[in-house]
């Protein structure tokens, strides 16, 4: 079968298929079923009220961020100490 005739058959069959019901785009007067944009601060306040999570407490986000930054700084150091590196180089010779 030639590629052109195959493409023509696929186009013909797809034209016969039923179209799925897709949501229509709304306009300014009727935005449709799309979610509304809301300020993030209100969502955070609502989440804190529902869960009781306090970001300003001792286990707050600032303390966690500082701890993670300290761990990242510690991991940036050399993996092998200078004495171990010298010993390994000596063993390779």
Protein backbone atom coordinates (compact mmCIF):
# COMPACT_ATOMS: atom_id res chain seq x y z
CA UNK A 1 0.00 0.00 0.00
CA UNK A 2 1.38 3.39 -0.88
CA UNK A 3 2.06 5.87 1.93
CA UNK A 4 -0.20 8.47 0.28
CA UNK A 5 -3.17 6.12 0.15
CA UNK A 6 -2.55 5.04 3.74
CA UNK A 7 -2.53 8.67 4.88
CA UNK A 8 -5.72 9.30 2.91
CA UNK A 9 -7.43 6.30 4.54
CA UNK A 10 -6.37 7.48 8.01
CA UNK A 11 -7.69 10.97 7.29
CA UNK A 12 -10.99 9.51 6.06
CA UNK A 13 -11.41 7.26 9.12
CA UNK A 14 -10.53 10.04 11.54
CA UNK A 15 -13.11 12.30 9.89
CA UNK A 16 -15.77 9.67 10.55
CA UNK A 17 -14.92 9.30 14.24
CA UNK A 18 -16.95 11.03 16.91
CA UNK A 19 -15.38 14.06 18.49
CA UNK A 20 -14.95 13.89 22.26
CA UNK A 21 -16.70 16.54 24.31
CA UNK A 22 -13.94 18.94 25.27
CA UNK A 23 -14.56 21.86 27.60
CA UNK A 24 -15.12 25.11 25.79
CA UNK A 25 -12.96 28.11 26.51
CA UNK A 26 -14.79 30.72 28.48
CA UNK A 27 -14.72 34.43 27.92
CA UNK A 28 -14.37 37.30 30.38
CA UNK A 29 -18.08 37.19 31.24
CA UNK A 30 -18.24 33.40 31.55
CA UNK A 31 -14.86 31.92 32.50
CA UNK A 32 -16.11 28.34 32.25
CA UNK A 33 -14.90 25.53 34.52
CA UNK A 34 -11.32 26.73 34.75
CA UNK A 35 -9.84 27.30 38.21
CA UNK A 36 -9.59 30.82 39.51
CA UNK A 37 -6.26 32.41 40.39
CA UNK A 38 -5.95 33.19 44.07
CA UNK A 39 -3.12 34.73 46.13
CA UNK A 40 -0.71 32.18 47.57
CA UNK A 41 -0.62 33.91 50.96
CA UNK A 42 -4.29 33.07 51.50
CA UNK A 43 -3.65 29.40 50.68
CA UNK A 44 -0.74 29.25 53.12
CA UNK A 45 -2.83 30.84 55.87
CA UNK A 46 -5.63 28.37 55.20
CA UNK A 47 -3.24 25.40 55.27
CA UNK A 48 -1.70 26.59 58.55
CA UNK A 49 -5.15 26.98 60.09
CA UNK A 50 -6.23 23.50 58.98
CA UNK A 51 -3.05 21.61 59.89
CA UNK A 52 -1.74 23.63 62.82
CA UNK A 53 1.68 23.82 61.14
CA UNK A 54 3.57 26.89 62.33
CA UNK A 55 6.30 28.16 60.02
CA UNK A 56 7.60 30.59 62.64
CA UNK A 57 8.06 28.01 65.39
CA UNK A 58 11.32 26.32 66.41
CA UNK A 59 10.74 23.58 63.84
CA UNK A 60 9.67 26.12 61.23
CA UNK A 61 10.75 26.45 57.66
CA UNK A 62 13.55 28.89 58.45
CA UNK A 63 15.17 26.45 60.88
CA UNK A 64 14.78 23.57 58.43
CA UNK A 65 16.26 25.68 55.63
CA UNK A 66 19.26 26.62 57.77
CA UNK A 67 19.83 22.96 58.67
CA UNK A 68 19.64 21.88 55.04
CA UNK A 69 22.06 24.61 53.98
CA UNK A 70 24.50 23.50 56.70
CA UNK A 71 24.29 19.90 55.50
CA UNK A 72 24.84 21.00 51.89
CA UNK A 73 27.90 23.02 52.91
CA UNK A 74 29.33 20.00 54.74
CA UNK A 75 28.82 17.83 51.67
CA UNK A 76 30.70 20.30 49.44
CA UNK A 77 33.98 19.52 51.20
CA UNK A 78 36.51 16.99 49.96
CA UNK A 79 35.47 13.37 50.12
CA UNK A 80 38.98 12.09 50.84
CA UNK A 81 41.18 13.85 53.37
CA UNK A 82 44.60 15.12 52.33
CA UNK A 83 46.41 12.43 54.34
CA UNK A 84 44.32 9.65 52.78
CA UNK A 85 44.91 11.10 49.31
CA UNK A 86 48.67 11.19 49.90
CA UNK A 87 48.64 7.59 51.15
CA UNK A 88 46.66 6.44 48.11
CA UNK A 89 49.03 8.23 45.73
CA UNK A 90 51.98 6.61 47.50
CA UNK A 91 50.37 3.17 47.14
CA UNK A 92 49.78 3.74 43.42
CA UNK A 93 53.48 4.43 42.81
